[in-house]
Amino acid sequence: MSPREVASRTAKQSLRSSLNKAAFVLAQETRRHPGSVNRELNDLMGVERRAEATTDQLREALEYAGDRLRALGRRRGGPEPRDSDQQEADFASGGDPPF
């Protein structure tokens, strides 16, 4: 396996892990079952399973989940981001999702 293939695989695994964590946080914040949030995100990407998604599809779904979480925060009176283009979410602090 070439170094480029290894880097691509690692990036895809990292995106999938981040999306899993974002989906779990989104499920908690919306009080939905994690499976329904997963189905919503998989439908958005047009795949049955996350492992089938391309890097671009994973990025799009992660961006969507982040947008939804920021919107929920604003609706609940959470702090406004100073610069939404620069805001980063730390999903790693919440633990691993159960799926």
N, C-alpha and C. Protein backbone atom coordinates (compact mmCIF):
# COMPACT_ATOMS: atom_id res chain seq x y z
N MET A 1 0.85 -1.17 0.00
CA MET A 1 0.00 0.00 0.00
C MET A 1 0.90 1.24 0.00
N SER A 2 0.60 2.17 -0.88
CA SER A 2 1.42 3.38 -1.01
C SER A 2 1.14 4.34 0.16
N PRO A 3 2.06 5.24 0.43
CA PRO A 3 1.84 6.22 1.50
C PRO A 3 0.59 7.07 1.25
N ARG A 4 0.30 7.34 0.00
CA ARG A 4 -0.89 8.13 -0.33
C ARG A 4 -2.16 7.37 0.03
N GLU A 5 -2.20 6.08 -0.23
CA GLU A 5 -3.37 5.26 0.10
C GLU A 5 -3.56 5.17 1.62
N VAL A 6 -2.45 5.04 2.32
CA VAL A 6 -2.51 4.98 3.78
C VAL A 6 -3.05 6.29 4.34
N ALA A 7 -2.57 7.41 3.82
CA ALA A 7 -3.03 8.72 4.28
C ALA A 7 -4.51 8.91 3.99
N SER A 8 -4.95 8.47 2.81
CA SER A 8 -6.36 8.59 2.44
C SER A 8 -7.25 7.75 3.36
N ARG A 9 -6.79 6.53 3.65
CA ARG A 9 -7.56 5.64 4.53
C ARG A 9 -7.63 6.23 5.93
N THR A 10 -6.52 6.78 6.42
CA THR A 10 -6.49 7.38 7.75
C THR A 10 -7.42 8.59 7.83
N ALA A 11 -7.40 9.42 6.80
CA ALA A 11 -8.28 10.59 6.78
C ALA A 11 -9.75 10.17 6.78
N LYS A 12 -10.07 9.15 6.01
CA LYS A 12 -11.45 8.67 5.94
C LYS A 12 -11.90 8.10 7.29
N GLN A 13 -11.02 7.35 7.94
CA GLN A 13 -11.34 6.80 9.26
C GLN A 13 -11.55 7.92 10.28
N SER A 14 -10.73 8.95 10.20
CA SER A 14 -10.84 10.08 11.12
C SER A 14 -12.16 10.82 10.90
N LEU A 15 -12.51 11.04 9.64
CA LEU A 15 -13.79 11.71 9.34
C LEU A 15 -14.97 10.87 9.82
N ARG A 16 -14.90 9.56 9.61
CA ARG A 16 -15.99 8.69 10.05
C ARG A 16 -16.12 8.72 11.56
N SER A 17 -15.00 8.71 12.27
CA SER A 17 -15.03 8.78 13.72
C SER A 17 -15.62 10.10 14.19
N SER A 18 -15.22 11.19 13.57
CA SER A 18 -15.76 12.50 13.93
C SER A 18 -17.26 12.57 13.66
N LEU A 19 -17.68 12.01 12.54
CA LEU A 19 -19.10 12.02 12.20
C LEU A 19 -19.89 11.16 13.19
N ASN A 20 -19.34 10.04 13.61
CA ASN A 20 -20.02 9.20 14.61
C ASN A 20 -20.23 9.98 15.90
N LYS A 21 -19.21 10.69 16.32
CA LYS A 21 -19.31 11.48 17.55
C LYS A 21 -20.28 12.63 17.40
N ALA A 22 -20.25 13.30 16.25
CA ALA A 22 -21.18 14.40 15.99
C ALA A 22 -22.62 13.88 15.96
N ALA A 23 -22.82 12.71 15.36
CA ALA A 23 -24.16 12.12 15.30
C ALA A 23 -24.66 11.80 16.71
N PHE A 24 -23.79 11.31 17.55
CA PHE A 24 -24.17 10.99 18.92
C PHE A 24 -24.56 12.25 19.68
N VAL A 25 -23.77 13.30 19.56
CA VAL A 25 -24.08 14.57 20.23
C VAL A 25 -25.39 15.14 19.69
N LEU A 26 -25.58 15.07 18.37
CA LEU A 26 -26.82 15.56 17.76
C LEU A 26 -28.02 14.77 18.28
N ALA A 27 -27.87 13.46 18.42
CA ALA A 27 -28.96 12.64 18.96
C ALA A 27 -29.28 13.05 20.39
N GLN A 28 -28.26 13.28 21.20
CA GLN A 28 -28.49 13.70 22.57
C GLN A 28 -29.18 15.06 22.63
N GLU A 29 -28.70 16.00 21.83
CA GLU A 29 -29.24 17.37 21.87
C GLU A 29 -30.67 17.44 21.35
N THR A 30 -31.03 16.57 20.42
CA THR A 30 -32.38 16.58 19.85
C THR A 30 -33.28 15.55 20.51
N ARG A 31 -32.71 14.78 21.46
CA ARG A 31 -33.45 13.73 22.17
C ARG A 31 -34.04 12.71 21.20
N ARG A 32 -33.22 12.38 20.21
CA ARG A 32 -33.61 11.36 19.22
C ARG A 32 -32.76 10.13 19.43
N HIS A 33 -33.24 9.01 18.92
CA HIS A 33 -32.47 7.77 18.98
C HIS A 33 -31.28 7.91 18.05
N PRO A 34 -30.08 7.48 18.49
CA PRO A 34 -28.89 7.60 17.63
C PRO A 34 -29.06 6.93 16.26
N GLY A 35 -29.82 5.84 16.21
CA GLY A 35 -30.03 5.16 14.93
C GLY A 35 -30.78 6.02 13.93
N SER A 36 -31.74 6.83 14.39
CA SER A 36 -32.48 7.68 13.46
C SER A 36 -31.61 8.82 12.94
N VAL A 37 -30.72 9.32 13.78
CA VAL A 37 -29.79 10.36 13.34
C VAL A 37 -28.82 9.76 12.32
N ASN A 38 -28.35 8.54 12.59
CA ASN A 38 -27.47 7.87 11.64
C ASN A 38 -28.14 7.67 10.28
N ARG A 39 -29.39 7.24 10.30
CA ARG A 39 -30.13 7.06 9.03
C ARG A 39 -30.26 8.39 8.28
N GLU A 40 -30.54 9.45 9.02
CA GLU A 40 -30.66 10.78 8.40
C GLU A 40 -29.34 11.17 7.72
N LEU A 41 -28.23 10.98 8.41
CA LEU A 41 -26.93 11.35 7.85
C LEU A 41 -26.54 10.43 6.69
N ASN A 42 -26.83 9.15 6.81
CA ASN A 42 -26.53 8.23 5.71
C ASN A 42 -27.37 8.57 4.48
N ASP A 43 -28.64 8.92 4.70
CA ASP A 43 -29.49 9.34 3.57
C ASP A 43 -28.93 10.60 2.91
N LEU A 44 -28.47 11.53 3.73
CA LEU A 44 -27.87 12.75 3.21
C LEU A 44 -26.68 12.42 2.31
N MET A 45 -25.89 11.43 2.72
CA MET A 45 -24.72 11.04 1.93
C MET A 45 -25.07 10.11 0.78
N GLY A 46 -26.27 9.54 0.81
CA GLY A 46 -26.68 8.62 -0.25
C GLY A 46 -26.05 7.25 -0.15
N VAL A 47 -25.81 6.79 1.08
CA VAL A 47 -25.19 5.49 1.31
C VAL A 47 -26.00 4.70 2.33
N GLU A 48 -25.84 3.37 2.29
CA GLU A 48 -26.48 2.51 3.28
C GLU A 48 -25.65 2.46 4.56
N ARG A 49 -24.33 2.41 4.39
CA ARG A 49 -23.41 2.33 5.53
C ARG A 49 -22.34 3.39 5.36
N ARG A 50 -21.87 3.94 6.47
CA ARG A 50 -20.86 4.99 6.43
C ARG A 50 -19.58 4.54 5.77
N ALA A 51 -19.26 3.27 5.88
CA ALA A 51 -18.02 2.75 5.29
C ALA A 51 -18.02 2.90 3.77
N GLU A 52 -19.20 3.02 3.16
CA GLU A 52 -19.32 3.18 1.71
C GLU A 52 -19.12 4.62 1.25
N ALA A 53 -19.16 5.56 2.17
CA ALA A 53 -19.11 6.99 1.83
C ALA A 53 -17.71 7.42 1.41
N THR A 54 -17.67 8.36 0.49
CA THR A 54 -16.40 8.95 0.08
C THR A 54 -15.98 10.00 1.11
N THR A 55 -14.77 10.45 1.01
CA THR A 55 -14.27 11.49 1.91
C THR A 55 -15.11 12.76 1.78
N ASP A 56 -15.47 13.13 0.56
CA ASP A 56 -16.29 14.33 0.35
C ASP A 56 -17.68 14.17 0.97
N GLN A 57 -18.28 12.99 0.84
CA GLN A 57 -19.59 12.75 1.44
C GLN A 57 -19.52 12.83 2.96
N LEU A 58 -18.47 12.29 3.54
CA LEU A 58 -18.29 12.36 4.99
C LEU A 58 -18.12 13.80 5.46
N ARG A 59 -17.35 14.58 4.72
CA ARG A 59 -17.17 16.00 5.07
C ARG A 59 -18.49 16.76 5.00
N GLU A 60 -19.27 16.48 3.96
CA GLU A 60 -20.57 17.15 3.81
C GLU A 60 -21.49 16.80 4.98
N ALA A 61 -21.55 15.55 5.36
CA ALA A 61 -22.40 15.14 6.47
C ALA A 61 -21.91 15.73 7.79
N LEU A 62 -20.61 15.81 7.98
CA LEU A 62 -20.06 16.39 9.19
C LEU A 62 -20.36 17.89 9.26
N GLU A 63 -20.28 18.55 8.14
CA GLU A 63 -20.63 19.98 8.09
C GLU A 63 -22.12 20.17 8.41
N TYR A 64 -22.97 19.31 7.86
CA TYR A 64 -24.41 19.37 8.12
C TYR A 64 -24.68 19.19 9.62
N ALA A 65 -24.06 18.18 10.23
CA ALA A 65 -24.26 17.93 11.65
C ALA A 65 -23.79 19.12 12.49
N GLY A 66 -22.65 19.69 12.12
CA GLY A 66 -22.16 20.87 12.84
C GLY A 66 -23.10 22.05 12.71
N ASP A 67 -23.64 22.25 11.51
CA ASP A 67 -24.60 23.34 11.30
C ASP A 67 -25.85 23.14 12.17
N ARG A 68 -26.33 21.91 12.23
CA ARG A 68 -27.52 21.61 13.04
C ARG A 68 -27.24 21.87 14.52
N LEU A 69 -26.06 21.45 14.99
CA LEU A 69 -25.72 21.66 16.40
C LEU A 69 -25.57 23.15 16.71
N ARG A 70 -24.96 23.92 15.81
CA ARG A 70 -24.84 25.37 16.04
C ARG A 70 -26.22 26.02 16.06
N ALA A 71 -27.12 25.60 15.17
CA ALA A 71 -28.48 26.15 15.15
C ALA A 71 -29.21 25.82 16.45
N LEU A 72 -29.05 24.61 16.94
CA LEU A 72 -29.69 24.23 18.21
C LEU A 72 -29.14 25.08 19.35
N GLY A 73 -27.85 25.33 19.35
CA GLY A 73 -27.24 26.16 20.38
C GLY A 73 -27.78 27.57 20.37
N ARG A 74 -27.97 28.13 19.18
CA ARG A 74 -28.51 29.50 19.07
C ARG A 74 -29.96 29.54 19.55
N ARG A 75 -30.75 28.53 19.20
CA ARG A 75 -32.15 28.50 19.60
C ARG A 75 -32.29 28.40 21.12
N ARG A 76 -31.37 27.72 21.74
CA ARG A 76 -31.44 27.53 23.19
C ARG A 76 -30.76 28.65 23.95
N GLY A 77 -30.31 29.65 23.24
CA GLY A 77 -29.69 30.80 23.90
C GLY A 77 -28.24 30.57 24.25
N GLY A 78 -27.62 29.64 23.58
CA GLY A 78 -26.20 29.38 23.81
C GLY A 78 -25.37 30.54 23.30
N PRO A 79 -24.09 30.51 23.60
CA PRO A 79 -23.23 31.61 23.16
C PRO A 79 -23.11 31.64 21.64
N GLU A 80 -23.15 32.82 21.10
CA GLU A 80 -22.97 32.99 19.66
C GLU A 80 -21.51 32.82 19.30
N PRO A 81 -21.23 32.09 18.23
CA PRO A 81 -19.83 31.99 17.81
C PRO A 81 -19.32 33.34 17.35
N ARG A 82 -18.06 33.65 17.67
CA ARG A 82 -17.49 34.92 17.25
C ARG A 82 -17.35 34.99 15.75
N ASP A 83 -16.89 33.91 15.15
CA ASP A 83 -16.74 33.84 13.70
C ASP A 83 -17.08 32.42 13.29
N SER A 84 -18.27 32.23 12.72
CA SER A 84 -18.75 30.88 12.43
C SER A 84 -17.83 30.12 11.48
N ASP A 85 -17.06 30.81 10.66
CA ASP A 85 -16.12 30.12 9.77
C ASP A 85 -14.93 29.58 10.54
N GLN A 86 -14.62 30.17 11.69
CA GLN A 86 -13.45 29.78 12.46
C GLN A 86 -13.80 28.85 13.62
N GLN A 87 -15.10 28.66 13.91
CA GLN A 87 -15.49 27.87 15.06
C GLN A 87 -15.17 26.39 14.86
N GLU A 88 -14.65 25.78 15.91
CA GLU A 88 -14.36 24.35 15.88
C GLU A 88 -15.13 23.69 17.02
N ALA A 89 -15.68 22.53 16.76
CA ALA A 89 -16.39 21.78 17.78
C ALA A 89 -15.51 20.64 18.27
N ASP A 90 -15.52 20.40 19.57
CA ASP A 90 -14.72 19.33 20.14
C ASP A 90 -15.64 18.19 20.53
N PHE A 91 -15.92 17.30 19.57
CA PHE A 91 -16.81 16.18 19.82
C PHE A 91 -16.10 15.07 20.60
N ALA A 92 -14.78 15.09 20.62
CA ALA A 92 -14.02 14.03 21.26
C ALA A 92 -14.23 14.02 22.78
N SER A 93 -14.62 15.15 23.35
CA SER A 93 -14.74 15.21 24.80
C SER A 93 -15.94 14.46 25.33
N GLY A 94 -16.90 14.13 24.47
CA GLY A 94 -18.13 13.49 24.93
C GLY A 94 -18.06 11.98 24.99
N GLY A 95 -16.96 11.36 24.65
CA GLY A 95 -16.87 9.90 24.67
C GLY A 95 -17.30 9.31 23.34
N ASP A 96 -17.12 8.04 23.20
CA ASP A 96 -17.46 7.37 21.95
C ASP A 96 -18.94 7.03 21.91
N PRO A 97 -19.56 7.13 20.72
CA PRO A 97 -20.97 6.80 20.59
C PRO A 97 -21.19 5.29 20.71
N PRO A 98 -22.41 4.88 21.05
CA PRO A 98 -22.69 3.45 21.26
C PRO A 98 -22.97 2.69 19.98
N PHE A 99 -22.66 3.23 18.81
CA PHE A 99 -22.96 2.54 17.56
C PHE A 99 -21.73 2.39 16.73
